N, C-alpha and C. Protein backbone atom coordinates (compact mmCIF):
# COMPACT_ATOMS: atom_id res chain seq x y z
N LYS A 1 -23.88 58.58 18.13
CA LYS A 1 -22.49 58.21 17.87
C LYS A 1 -22.42 56.73 17.50
N ILE A 2 -21.57 56.41 16.56
CA ILE A 2 -21.41 55.03 16.11
C ILE A 2 -20.03 54.52 16.51
N TYR A 3 -20.01 53.38 17.19
CA TYR A 3 -18.75 52.71 17.50
C TYR A 3 -18.59 51.53 16.54
N VAL A 4 -17.47 51.47 15.88
CA VAL A 4 -17.17 50.36 14.98
C VAL A 4 -16.15 49.47 15.68
N VAL A 5 -16.53 48.21 15.88
CA VAL A 5 -15.65 47.26 16.56
C VAL A 5 -14.79 46.56 15.51
N LEU A 6 -13.50 46.65 15.68
CA LEU A 6 -12.57 46.11 14.69
C LEU A 6 -11.63 45.09 15.31
N GLY A 7 -11.21 44.16 14.46
CA GLY A 7 -10.21 43.18 14.87
C GLY A 7 -8.84 43.60 14.36
N GLU A 8 -8.06 42.63 13.99
CA GLU A 8 -6.67 42.92 13.63
C GLU A 8 -6.52 43.58 12.26
N ARG A 9 -7.41 43.28 11.33
CA ARG A 9 -7.32 43.89 10.00
C ARG A 9 -8.22 45.12 9.96
N LYS A 10 -7.75 46.18 10.56
CA LYS A 10 -8.61 47.34 10.77
C LYS A 10 -8.29 48.55 9.91
N SER A 11 -7.11 48.62 9.34
CA SER A 11 -6.67 49.85 8.69
C SER A 11 -7.54 50.24 7.50
N GLN A 12 -7.94 49.27 6.66
CA GLN A 12 -8.72 49.61 5.47
C GLN A 12 -10.09 50.18 5.84
N ILE A 13 -10.71 49.61 6.86
CA ILE A 13 -12.03 50.10 7.29
C ILE A 13 -11.90 51.50 7.85
N MET A 14 -10.89 51.73 8.67
CA MET A 14 -10.69 53.05 9.26
C MET A 14 -10.36 54.10 8.20
N GLU A 15 -9.58 53.71 7.21
CA GLU A 15 -9.24 54.64 6.13
C GLU A 15 -10.47 55.01 5.31
N TYR A 16 -11.39 54.05 5.17
CA TYR A 16 -12.59 54.31 4.38
C TYR A 16 -13.60 55.16 5.16
N LEU A 17 -13.90 54.77 6.39
CA LEU A 17 -14.94 55.44 7.17
C LEU A 17 -14.46 56.74 7.81
N ARG A 18 -13.18 56.78 8.17
CA ARG A 18 -12.57 57.93 8.87
C ARG A 18 -13.41 58.30 10.10
N ASP A 19 -13.68 59.58 10.31
CA ASP A 19 -14.43 59.97 11.51
C ASP A 19 -15.93 60.03 11.26
N GLY A 20 -16.35 59.64 10.05
CA GLY A 20 -17.78 59.62 9.72
C GLY A 20 -18.36 60.94 9.30
N GLY A 21 -17.55 62.00 9.33
CA GLY A 21 -18.08 63.32 8.99
C GLY A 21 -18.68 63.39 7.60
N TRP A 22 -18.09 62.68 6.66
CA TRP A 22 -18.60 62.71 5.28
C TRP A 22 -19.92 61.97 5.14
N LEU A 23 -20.28 61.19 6.19
CA LEU A 23 -21.57 60.50 6.20
C LEU A 23 -22.59 61.21 7.09
N GLY A 24 -22.15 62.28 7.74
CA GLY A 24 -23.04 63.01 8.63
C GLY A 24 -23.20 62.38 9.99
N VAL A 25 -22.25 61.54 10.38
CA VAL A 25 -22.30 60.88 11.70
C VAL A 25 -20.93 60.99 12.36
N LYS A 26 -20.88 60.66 13.65
CA LYS A 26 -19.62 60.61 14.38
C LYS A 26 -19.24 59.15 14.60
N ILE A 27 -18.06 58.77 14.14
CA ILE A 27 -17.60 57.39 14.27
C ILE A 27 -16.35 57.34 15.15
N ALA A 28 -16.36 56.39 16.09
CA ALA A 28 -15.18 56.09 16.89
C ALA A 28 -14.93 54.59 16.77
N TYR A 29 -13.75 54.17 17.11
CA TYR A 29 -13.36 52.77 16.89
C TYR A 29 -13.00 52.09 18.20
N LEU A 30 -13.46 50.85 18.32
CA LEU A 30 -13.12 50.00 19.47
C LEU A 30 -12.40 48.77 18.95
N TYR A 31 -11.41 48.33 19.69
CA TYR A 31 -10.60 47.20 19.24
C TYR A 31 -10.98 45.94 20.01
N GLN A 32 -11.27 44.87 19.28
CA GLN A 32 -11.55 43.58 19.89
C GLN A 32 -10.27 42.76 19.93
N ASP A 33 -9.75 42.57 21.13
CA ASP A 33 -8.51 41.81 21.31
C ASP A 33 -8.86 40.32 21.27
N MET A 34 -8.55 39.68 20.16
CA MET A 34 -8.92 38.28 19.97
C MET A 34 -8.23 37.34 20.95
N SER A 35 -7.13 37.79 21.54
CA SER A 35 -6.45 36.94 22.52
C SER A 35 -7.27 36.79 23.79
N ARG A 36 -8.25 37.68 23.98
CA ARG A 36 -9.13 37.62 25.15
C ARG A 36 -10.46 36.94 24.82
N GLY A 37 -10.56 36.43 23.60
CA GLY A 37 -11.77 35.72 23.20
C GLY A 37 -12.38 36.31 21.94
N ALA A 38 -12.77 35.43 21.03
CA ALA A 38 -13.41 35.85 19.79
C ALA A 38 -14.91 35.64 19.88
N GLY A 39 -15.64 36.22 18.94
CA GLY A 39 -17.08 36.01 18.89
C GLY A 39 -17.86 37.29 19.12
N THR A 40 -19.15 37.23 18.82
CA THR A 40 -19.99 38.42 18.88
C THR A 40 -20.20 38.94 20.29
N ALA A 41 -20.21 38.06 21.29
CA ALA A 41 -20.36 38.52 22.67
C ALA A 41 -19.16 39.36 23.09
N LYS A 42 -17.98 38.93 22.71
CA LYS A 42 -16.77 39.68 23.04
C LYS A 42 -16.73 41.01 22.29
N ALA A 43 -17.30 41.04 21.09
CA ALA A 43 -17.39 42.30 20.35
C ALA A 43 -18.27 43.29 21.10
N VAL A 44 -19.39 42.81 21.62
CA VAL A 44 -20.28 43.67 22.41
C VAL A 44 -19.56 44.17 23.66
N GLU A 45 -18.78 43.30 24.27
CA GLU A 45 -18.09 43.64 25.52
C GLU A 45 -17.13 44.81 25.35
N THR A 46 -16.61 45.01 24.14
CA THR A 46 -15.67 46.11 23.93
C THR A 46 -16.31 47.47 24.19
N ALA A 47 -17.65 47.53 24.14
CA ALA A 47 -18.35 48.81 24.34
C ALA A 47 -18.53 49.14 25.81
N GLU A 48 -18.22 48.20 26.70
CA GLU A 48 -18.39 48.46 28.13
C GLU A 48 -17.49 49.62 28.55
N GLY A 49 -18.07 50.56 29.25
CA GLY A 49 -17.33 51.74 29.66
C GLY A 49 -17.46 52.89 28.67
N TRP A 50 -17.94 52.58 27.48
CA TRP A 50 -18.12 53.61 26.46
C TRP A 50 -19.59 53.98 26.27
N VAL A 51 -20.49 53.09 26.64
CA VAL A 51 -21.92 53.39 26.54
C VAL A 51 -22.54 53.29 27.92
N SER A 52 -23.43 54.20 28.22
CA SER A 52 -24.06 54.22 29.54
C SER A 52 -25.57 54.11 29.45
N GLU A 53 -26.08 53.98 28.23
CA GLU A 53 -27.52 53.83 28.03
C GLU A 53 -27.76 52.77 26.97
N ASP A 54 -29.03 52.51 26.67
CA ASP A 54 -29.35 51.46 25.70
C ASP A 54 -28.69 51.76 24.35
N PHE A 55 -28.27 50.71 23.67
CA PHE A 55 -27.55 50.87 22.41
C PHE A 55 -27.93 49.76 21.44
N MET A 56 -27.73 50.03 20.16
CA MET A 56 -28.07 49.07 19.11
C MET A 56 -26.81 48.43 18.54
N VAL A 57 -26.87 47.12 18.36
CA VAL A 57 -25.78 46.37 17.74
C VAL A 57 -26.22 45.95 16.34
N VAL A 58 -25.39 46.25 15.35
CA VAL A 58 -25.66 45.84 13.97
C VAL A 58 -24.44 45.07 13.47
N TYR A 59 -24.66 43.88 12.98
CA TYR A 59 -23.55 43.06 12.49
C TYR A 59 -23.00 43.63 11.18
N GLY A 60 -21.68 43.54 11.04
CA GLY A 60 -21.05 44.07 9.84
C GLY A 60 -21.33 43.29 8.58
N ASP A 61 -21.81 42.06 8.73
CA ASP A 61 -22.08 41.23 7.54
C ASP A 61 -23.57 41.09 7.26
N THR A 62 -24.36 42.07 7.71
CA THR A 62 -25.78 42.08 7.37
C THR A 62 -26.10 43.34 6.57
N PHE A 63 -27.05 43.19 5.65
CA PHE A 63 -27.45 44.31 4.79
C PHE A 63 -28.95 44.48 4.88
N PHE A 64 -29.39 45.69 5.22
CA PHE A 64 -30.81 46.03 5.28
C PHE A 64 -31.08 47.24 4.39
N HIS A 65 -32.22 47.22 3.71
CA HIS A 65 -32.65 48.41 2.96
C HIS A 65 -34.14 48.30 2.67
N PRO A 66 -34.88 49.39 2.94
CA PRO A 66 -34.45 50.62 3.60
C PRO A 66 -34.29 50.41 5.11
N MET A 67 -33.73 51.40 5.80
CA MET A 67 -33.42 51.24 7.22
C MET A 67 -34.31 52.08 8.14
N GLU A 68 -35.40 52.59 7.60
CA GLU A 68 -36.29 53.41 8.43
C GLU A 68 -36.85 52.63 9.62
N PHE A 69 -36.90 51.31 9.52
CA PHE A 69 -37.46 50.52 10.61
C PHE A 69 -36.62 50.61 11.88
N PHE A 70 -35.37 51.03 11.77
CA PHE A 70 -34.53 51.19 12.97
C PHE A 70 -35.23 52.10 13.99
N LYS A 71 -35.81 53.19 13.50
CA LYS A 71 -36.46 54.14 14.39
C LYS A 71 -37.65 53.50 15.10
N SER A 72 -38.49 52.79 14.36
CA SER A 72 -39.66 52.16 14.99
C SER A 72 -39.24 51.04 15.93
N MET A 73 -38.12 50.39 15.63
CA MET A 73 -37.61 49.35 16.52
C MET A 73 -37.17 49.95 17.85
N VAL A 74 -36.50 51.10 17.79
CA VAL A 74 -36.08 51.79 19.02
C VAL A 74 -37.30 52.21 19.83
N GLU A 75 -38.31 52.74 19.15
CA GLU A 75 -39.53 53.16 19.85
C GLU A 75 -40.22 51.97 20.49
N PHE A 76 -40.26 50.84 19.79
CA PHE A 76 -40.85 49.61 20.33
C PHE A 76 -40.09 49.18 21.58
N HIS A 77 -38.78 49.18 21.52
CA HIS A 77 -37.94 48.78 22.64
C HIS A 77 -38.20 49.65 23.87
N LYS A 78 -38.25 50.95 23.66
CA LYS A 78 -38.46 51.88 24.77
C LYS A 78 -39.86 51.75 25.36
N SER A 79 -40.85 51.62 24.48
CA SER A 79 -42.24 51.57 24.96
C SER A 79 -42.54 50.32 25.76
N ARG A 80 -41.79 49.26 25.52
CA ARG A 80 -42.01 47.99 26.22
C ARG A 80 -41.03 47.79 27.38
N ASP A 81 -40.20 48.79 27.63
CA ASP A 81 -39.25 48.74 28.74
C ASP A 81 -38.42 47.45 28.70
N ALA A 82 -37.88 47.16 27.53
CA ALA A 82 -37.16 45.90 27.33
C ALA A 82 -35.70 45.99 27.78
N HIS A 83 -35.17 44.86 28.20
CA HIS A 83 -33.74 44.77 28.49
C HIS A 83 -32.96 44.49 27.20
N ALA A 84 -33.63 43.86 26.26
CA ALA A 84 -33.04 43.63 24.94
C ALA A 84 -34.17 43.41 23.94
N THR A 85 -33.96 43.85 22.72
CA THR A 85 -34.92 43.63 21.64
C THR A 85 -34.16 43.10 20.43
N ILE A 86 -34.59 41.94 19.95
CA ILE A 86 -33.94 41.28 18.82
C ILE A 86 -34.73 41.55 17.55
N GLY A 87 -34.05 42.00 16.52
CA GLY A 87 -34.70 42.14 15.22
C GLY A 87 -34.86 40.76 14.59
N VAL A 88 -36.08 40.42 14.20
CA VAL A 88 -36.33 39.13 13.55
C VAL A 88 -36.97 39.38 12.20
N TYR A 89 -36.63 38.53 11.25
CA TYR A 89 -37.12 38.70 9.88
C TYR A 89 -38.00 37.51 9.52
N PRO A 90 -39.23 37.75 9.06
CA PRO A 90 -40.14 36.66 8.73
C PRO A 90 -39.73 35.96 7.44
N MET A 91 -39.57 34.64 7.52
CA MET A 91 -39.17 33.87 6.34
C MET A 91 -39.98 32.58 6.26
N GLY A 92 -40.13 32.08 5.05
CA GLY A 92 -40.87 30.85 4.84
C GLY A 92 -40.06 29.61 5.13
N SER A 93 -38.74 29.76 5.24
CA SER A 93 -37.85 28.63 5.52
C SER A 93 -36.92 28.99 6.66
N TYR A 94 -36.57 28.00 7.47
CA TYR A 94 -35.68 28.26 8.59
C TYR A 94 -34.30 27.66 8.37
N ARG A 95 -34.09 26.99 7.27
CA ARG A 95 -32.80 26.34 7.01
C ARG A 95 -31.68 27.37 6.98
N GLU A 96 -30.57 27.02 7.59
CA GLU A 96 -29.35 27.82 7.62
C GLU A 96 -29.45 29.03 8.55
N TYR A 97 -30.55 29.16 9.28
CA TYR A 97 -30.70 30.31 10.16
C TYR A 97 -31.14 29.87 11.55
N GLY A 98 -30.79 30.69 12.54
CA GLY A 98 -31.35 30.51 13.86
C GLY A 98 -32.71 31.18 13.90
N ILE A 99 -33.64 30.60 14.62
CA ILE A 99 -34.98 31.20 14.71
C ILE A 99 -35.32 31.50 16.16
N VAL A 100 -36.26 32.41 16.32
CA VAL A 100 -36.65 32.89 17.64
C VAL A 100 -38.09 32.44 17.92
N LYS A 101 -38.29 31.88 19.09
CA LYS A 101 -39.63 31.49 19.53
C LYS A 101 -40.14 32.54 20.50
N VAL A 102 -41.36 33.02 20.26
CA VAL A 102 -41.92 34.08 21.09
C VAL A 102 -43.29 33.67 21.63
N ASP A 103 -43.74 34.40 22.67
CA ASP A 103 -45.10 34.18 23.16
C ASP A 103 -46.04 35.16 22.46
N GLU A 104 -47.29 35.23 22.91
CA GLU A 104 -48.28 36.07 22.23
C GLU A 104 -47.98 37.56 22.36
N ASN A 105 -47.09 37.92 23.28
CA ASN A 105 -46.71 39.32 23.46
C ASN A 105 -45.34 39.64 22.86
N THR A 106 -44.87 38.76 22.00
CA THR A 106 -43.56 38.86 21.33
C THR A 106 -42.39 38.82 22.30
N ARG A 107 -42.64 38.29 23.48
CA ARG A 107 -41.53 38.10 24.42
C ARG A 107 -40.76 36.84 24.01
N VAL A 108 -39.45 36.93 24.00
CA VAL A 108 -38.63 35.82 23.55
C VAL A 108 -38.63 34.69 24.58
N LEU A 109 -38.97 33.50 24.10
CA LEU A 109 -38.96 32.31 24.96
C LEU A 109 -37.65 31.55 24.81
N CYS A 110 -37.14 31.49 23.58
CA CYS A 110 -35.87 30.82 23.35
C CYS A 110 -35.37 31.15 21.94
N ILE A 111 -34.08 30.93 21.75
CA ILE A 111 -33.45 31.06 20.44
C ILE A 111 -32.97 29.68 20.03
N LEU A 112 -33.39 29.24 18.86
CA LEU A 112 -33.07 27.90 18.38
C LEU A 112 -32.05 28.02 17.25
N GLU A 113 -30.83 27.58 17.51
CA GLU A 113 -29.77 27.74 16.52
C GLU A 113 -29.92 26.77 15.34
N LYS A 114 -30.08 25.51 15.65
CA LYS A 114 -30.27 24.50 14.60
C LYS A 114 -31.47 23.64 14.99
N PRO A 115 -32.67 24.20 14.84
CA PRO A 115 -33.87 23.52 15.33
C PRO A 115 -34.21 22.27 14.52
N SER A 116 -34.79 21.32 15.22
CA SER A 116 -35.35 20.16 14.53
C SER A 116 -36.63 20.62 13.85
N GLU A 117 -37.18 19.78 12.98
CA GLU A 117 -38.43 20.16 12.29
C GLU A 117 -39.55 20.39 13.29
N ALA A 118 -39.59 19.55 14.33
CA ALA A 118 -40.64 19.69 15.34
C ALA A 118 -40.49 21.01 16.10
N GLU A 119 -39.26 21.35 16.47
CA GLU A 119 -39.02 22.61 17.18
C GLU A 119 -39.36 23.80 16.30
N ALA A 120 -39.00 23.71 15.03
CA ALA A 120 -39.28 24.81 14.10
C ALA A 120 -40.78 25.01 13.92
N ARG A 121 -41.51 23.92 13.81
CA ARG A 121 -42.98 24.01 13.66
C ARG A 121 -43.59 24.68 14.89
N GLU A 122 -43.09 24.31 16.05
CA GLU A 122 -43.63 24.87 17.29
C GLU A 122 -43.33 26.36 17.41
N ALA A 123 -42.18 26.77 16.86
CA ALA A 123 -41.78 28.17 16.95
C ALA A 123 -42.40 29.03 15.86
N LYS A 124 -42.95 28.41 14.83
CA LYS A 124 -43.49 29.15 13.69
C LYS A 124 -44.64 30.05 14.13
N LEU A 125 -44.64 31.27 13.62
CA LEU A 125 -45.68 32.23 13.96
C LEU A 125 -46.49 32.51 12.70
N GLY A 126 -47.71 31.97 12.66
CA GLY A 126 -48.51 32.09 11.46
C GLY A 126 -47.87 31.30 10.34
N ASP A 127 -47.57 31.99 9.24
CA ASP A 127 -46.95 31.31 8.10
C ASP A 127 -45.45 31.60 8.00
N ALA A 128 -44.86 32.13 9.06
CA ALA A 128 -43.45 32.53 8.98
C ALA A 128 -42.63 32.06 10.17
N TYR A 129 -41.38 31.80 9.88
CA TYR A 129 -40.39 31.57 10.94
C TYR A 129 -39.71 32.91 11.21
N LEU A 130 -39.49 33.22 12.47
CA LEU A 130 -38.86 34.48 12.84
C LEU A 130 -37.35 34.27 12.93
N VAL A 131 -36.67 34.64 11.88
CA VAL A 131 -35.23 34.42 11.78
C VAL A 131 -34.47 35.49 12.57
N ASN A 132 -33.51 35.04 13.34
CA ASN A 132 -32.67 35.96 14.11
C ASN A 132 -31.72 36.68 13.16
N SER A 133 -32.09 37.87 12.75
CA SER A 133 -31.34 38.60 11.73
C SER A 133 -30.57 39.79 12.28
N GLY A 134 -30.84 40.16 13.54
CA GLY A 134 -30.31 41.43 14.01
C GLY A 134 -31.10 42.53 13.31
N PRO A 135 -30.90 43.79 13.67
CA PRO A 135 -30.05 44.28 14.75
C PRO A 135 -30.59 43.92 16.13
N ILE A 136 -29.83 44.22 17.16
CA ILE A 136 -30.24 43.96 18.53
C ILE A 136 -30.04 45.23 19.35
N ILE A 137 -31.03 45.55 20.16
CA ILE A 137 -30.90 46.67 21.10
C ILE A 137 -30.70 46.09 22.49
N PHE A 138 -29.69 46.57 23.18
CA PHE A 138 -29.39 46.10 24.54
C PHE A 138 -29.44 47.25 25.53
N SER A 139 -29.81 46.93 26.76
CA SER A 139 -29.54 47.83 27.88
C SER A 139 -28.14 47.50 28.39
N PRO A 140 -27.52 48.37 29.17
CA PRO A 140 -26.19 48.07 29.71
C PRO A 140 -26.14 46.82 30.58
N ASP A 141 -27.31 46.28 30.95
CA ASP A 141 -27.34 45.03 31.72
C ASP A 141 -26.63 43.90 30.98
N VAL A 142 -26.54 44.02 29.67
CA VAL A 142 -25.96 42.94 28.87
C VAL A 142 -24.52 42.64 29.28
N PHE A 143 -23.80 43.65 29.75
CA PHE A 143 -22.38 43.45 30.01
C PHE A 143 -22.11 42.41 31.10
N LYS A 144 -22.96 42.39 32.12
CA LYS A 144 -22.73 41.39 33.18
C LYS A 144 -23.06 39.98 32.68
N TYR A 145 -23.94 39.89 31.69
CA TYR A 145 -24.27 38.57 31.12
C TYR A 145 -23.21 38.12 30.12
N VAL A 146 -22.57 39.07 29.46
CA VAL A 146 -21.45 38.70 28.59
C VAL A 146 -20.37 38.02 29.42
N LYS A 147 -20.13 38.53 30.61
CA LYS A 147 -19.10 37.96 31.47
C LYS A 147 -19.44 36.54 31.91
N LYS A 148 -20.74 36.21 31.91
CA LYS A 148 -21.17 34.86 32.31
C LYS A 148 -21.25 33.91 31.11
N THR A 149 -21.12 34.44 29.92
CA THR A 149 -21.27 33.63 28.71
C THR A 149 -20.12 32.65 28.57
N GLN A 150 -20.47 31.39 28.35
CA GLN A 150 -19.46 30.34 28.21
C GLN A 150 -19.00 30.24 26.76
N VAL A 151 -17.77 29.79 26.60
CA VAL A 151 -17.23 29.61 25.26
C VAL A 151 -17.97 28.48 24.55
N SER A 152 -18.23 28.65 23.27
CA SER A 152 -18.96 27.65 22.48
C SER A 152 -18.02 26.52 22.08
N PRO A 153 -18.57 25.40 21.60
CA PRO A 153 -17.72 24.31 21.10
C PRO A 153 -16.77 24.76 19.99
N ALA A 154 -17.15 25.83 19.28
CA ALA A 154 -16.30 26.35 18.21
C ALA A 154 -15.19 27.25 18.73
N GLY A 155 -15.18 27.47 20.05
CA GLY A 155 -14.12 28.28 20.64
C GLY A 155 -14.40 29.77 20.65
N GLU A 156 -15.67 30.16 20.41
CA GLU A 156 -16.01 31.57 20.39
C GLU A 156 -17.14 31.85 21.38
N TYR A 157 -17.30 33.12 21.71
CA TYR A 157 -18.34 33.56 22.64
C TYR A 157 -19.44 34.24 21.83
N TRP A 158 -20.64 33.64 21.84
CA TRP A 158 -21.72 34.12 20.99
C TRP A 158 -22.72 34.96 21.77
N VAL A 159 -23.15 36.07 21.18
CA VAL A 159 -24.11 36.93 21.85
C VAL A 159 -25.47 36.26 21.96
N THR A 160 -25.77 35.30 21.10
CA THR A 160 -27.02 34.55 21.25
C THR A 160 -27.02 33.77 22.57
N ASP A 161 -25.85 33.26 22.97
CA ASP A 161 -25.76 32.58 24.26
C ASP A 161 -25.93 33.57 25.41
N THR A 162 -25.45 34.78 25.22
CA THR A 162 -25.65 35.84 26.22
C THR A 162 -27.14 36.13 26.38
N ILE A 163 -27.84 36.23 25.25
CA ILE A 163 -29.28 36.50 25.30
C ILE A 163 -30.03 35.37 25.98
N LYS A 164 -29.61 34.14 25.73
CA LYS A 164 -30.25 33.00 26.39
C LYS A 164 -30.12 33.10 27.90
N LEU A 165 -28.98 33.55 28.39
CA LEU A 165 -28.80 33.74 29.83
C LEU A 165 -29.76 34.80 30.36
N MET A 166 -29.95 35.85 29.60
CA MET A 166 -30.87 36.92 30.00
C MET A 166 -32.31 36.41 30.03
N VAL A 167 -32.67 35.61 29.04
CA VAL A 167 -34.02 35.00 29.01
C VAL A 167 -34.20 34.10 30.22
N ASP A 168 -33.21 33.26 30.50
CA ASP A 168 -33.29 32.32 31.62
C ASP A 168 -33.43 33.04 32.95
N ASP A 169 -32.90 34.26 33.05
CA ASP A 169 -32.99 35.03 34.28
C ASP A 169 -34.30 35.82 34.37
N GLY A 170 -35.16 35.67 33.37
CA GLY A 170 -36.46 36.32 33.41
C GLY A 170 -36.47 37.77 32.97
N LEU A 171 -35.41 38.22 32.33
CA LEU A 171 -35.40 39.60 31.85
C LEU A 171 -36.37 39.76 30.68
N ASN A 172 -36.77 40.99 30.46
CA ASN A 172 -37.75 41.29 29.42
C ASN A 172 -37.04 41.38 28.06
N ILE A 173 -36.99 40.26 27.37
CA ILE A 173 -36.32 40.17 26.07
C ILE A 173 -37.40 40.04 25.00
N LEU A 174 -37.42 40.96 24.05
CA LEU A 174 -38.50 41.01 23.06
C LEU A 174 -37.97 40.79 21.65
N ALA A 175 -38.89 40.43 20.77
CA ALA A 175 -38.57 40.30 19.34
C ALA A 175 -39.34 41.37 18.58
N TYR A 176 -38.64 42.08 17.74
CA TYR A 176 -39.26 43.09 16.88
C TYR A 176 -39.29 42.53 15.47
N ARG A 177 -40.48 42.45 14.91
CA ARG A 177 -40.64 41.88 13.58
C ARG A 177 -40.32 42.92 12.51
N ILE A 178 -39.24 42.70 11.80
CA ILE A 178 -38.84 43.60 10.71
C ILE A 178 -39.82 43.44 9.56
N PRO A 179 -40.32 44.53 9.00
CA PRO A 179 -41.29 44.41 7.90
C PRO A 179 -40.74 43.58 6.74
N GLY A 180 -41.60 42.75 6.18
CA GLY A 180 -41.19 41.91 5.07
C GLY A 180 -40.83 42.68 3.82
N THR A 181 -41.20 43.97 3.78
CA THR A 181 -40.85 44.81 2.64
C THR A 181 -39.38 45.25 2.67
N VAL A 182 -38.74 45.04 3.81
CA VAL A 182 -37.31 45.37 3.93
C VAL A 182 -36.48 44.27 3.27
N PHE A 183 -35.51 44.67 2.47
CA PHE A 183 -34.60 43.70 1.87
C PHE A 183 -33.51 43.41 2.89
N TRP A 184 -33.36 42.14 3.25
CA TRP A 184 -32.33 41.72 4.21
C TRP A 184 -31.54 40.54 3.65
N ARG A 185 -30.24 40.62 3.80
CA ARG A 185 -29.38 39.49 3.48
C ARG A 185 -28.22 39.42 4.48
N ASP A 186 -27.90 38.19 4.87
CA ASP A 186 -26.66 37.93 5.58
C ASP A 186 -25.60 37.77 4.49
N ILE A 187 -24.71 38.74 4.36
CA ILE A 187 -23.79 38.74 3.22
C ILE A 187 -22.46 38.05 3.55
N GLY A 188 -22.49 37.19 4.54
CA GLY A 188 -21.30 36.44 4.88
C GLY A 188 -21.02 35.27 3.95
N ARG A 189 -21.97 35.01 3.04
CA ARG A 189 -21.79 33.92 2.07
C ARG A 189 -21.77 34.51 0.66
N PRO A 190 -21.00 33.92 -0.24
CA PRO A 190 -20.88 34.49 -1.60
C PRO A 190 -22.21 34.68 -2.30
N GLU A 191 -23.09 33.68 -2.21
CA GLU A 191 -24.35 33.77 -2.96
C GLU A 191 -25.25 34.88 -2.45
N THR A 192 -25.28 35.08 -1.14
CA THR A 192 -26.13 36.15 -0.60
C THR A 192 -25.50 37.52 -0.82
N ARG A 193 -24.18 37.58 -0.84
CA ARG A 193 -23.52 38.85 -1.15
C ARG A 193 -23.82 39.27 -2.58
N ILE A 194 -23.84 38.31 -3.49
CA ILE A 194 -24.16 38.60 -4.89
C ILE A 194 -25.60 39.11 -5.00
N GLU A 195 -26.51 38.50 -4.25
CA GLU A 195 -27.91 38.95 -4.25
C GLU A 195 -28.02 40.39 -3.76
N ALA A 196 -27.26 40.72 -2.70
CA ALA A 196 -27.29 42.08 -2.17
C ALA A 196 -26.70 43.07 -3.17
N GLU A 197 -25.62 42.68 -3.82
CA GLU A 197 -25.00 43.55 -4.82
C GLU A 197 -25.96 43.82 -5.98
N LYS A 198 -26.67 42.78 -6.40
CA LYS A 198 -27.64 42.93 -7.50
C LYS A 198 -28.76 43.88 -7.08
N TYR A 199 -29.22 43.73 -5.83
CA TYR A 199 -30.28 44.60 -5.33
C TYR A 199 -29.82 46.06 -5.35
N VAL A 200 -28.62 46.30 -4.87
CA VAL A 200 -28.08 47.66 -4.83
C VAL A 200 -27.99 48.25 -6.23
N GLN A 201 -27.56 47.44 -7.18
CA GLN A 201 -27.48 47.91 -8.57
C GLN A 201 -28.86 48.17 -9.15
N ASP A 202 -29.79 47.26 -8.88
CA ASP A 202 -31.14 47.38 -9.46
C ASP A 202 -31.87 48.63 -9.00
N ILE A 203 -31.66 49.04 -7.75
CA ILE A 203 -32.37 50.22 -7.25
C ILE A 203 -31.56 51.50 -7.44
N GLY A 204 -30.36 51.35 -8.00
CA GLY A 204 -29.54 52.53 -8.27
C GLY A 204 -28.92 53.15 -7.03
N LEU A 205 -28.78 52.35 -5.97
CA LEU A 205 -28.22 52.87 -4.72
C LEU A 205 -26.73 53.17 -4.86
N ALA A 206 -26.04 52.32 -5.62
CA ALA A 206 -24.61 52.52 -5.85
C ALA A 206 -24.19 51.65 -7.02
N LYS A 207 -23.08 51.98 -7.60
CA LYS A 207 -22.51 51.16 -8.66
C LYS A 207 -21.45 50.25 -8.07
N ILE A 208 -21.50 48.97 -8.42
CA ILE A 208 -20.56 47.99 -7.89
C ILE A 208 -19.69 47.46 -9.01
């Protein structure tokens, strides 16, 4: 089952996706009340009471293709008995992205939002920086850490801060390396959205 978390401008998305039957899935909708706090952590919190087992979070402004790696990521998460597993994408540059530092067993040591060059070099794994790209798999333990998450200077509650609390408490937080053959873009910016649209057109996935 897929839960779509929506804010105040929800009607167009609901009209398009409906109940998901035409996609072969079941879709339900959760409402994020912005008066109780904005940000990705609060979006995750809306699922409390609706999920009772591990679940995957996928950001609405990220594009992945193909998506077969989701299955192997779930298997990785289960086999390692993780409390959370972060999808990371190998990139040659860390600019404009948060990166994840891991140990030799891919256990997350820290998440660096705006790392210095020295921090980035230290976090580099081989020839790549592990960019925090999502998706993320959580156990229901995440909900108690969302409640402990402090508001950011920007006035929002970020799930990366929630994960940092989990790491600090010694929970088993892992990074899953998304294959470099997967096309990934954060489409929250015009230039990357254009790149994703071109990719979709080039492979004949859809007409835009």
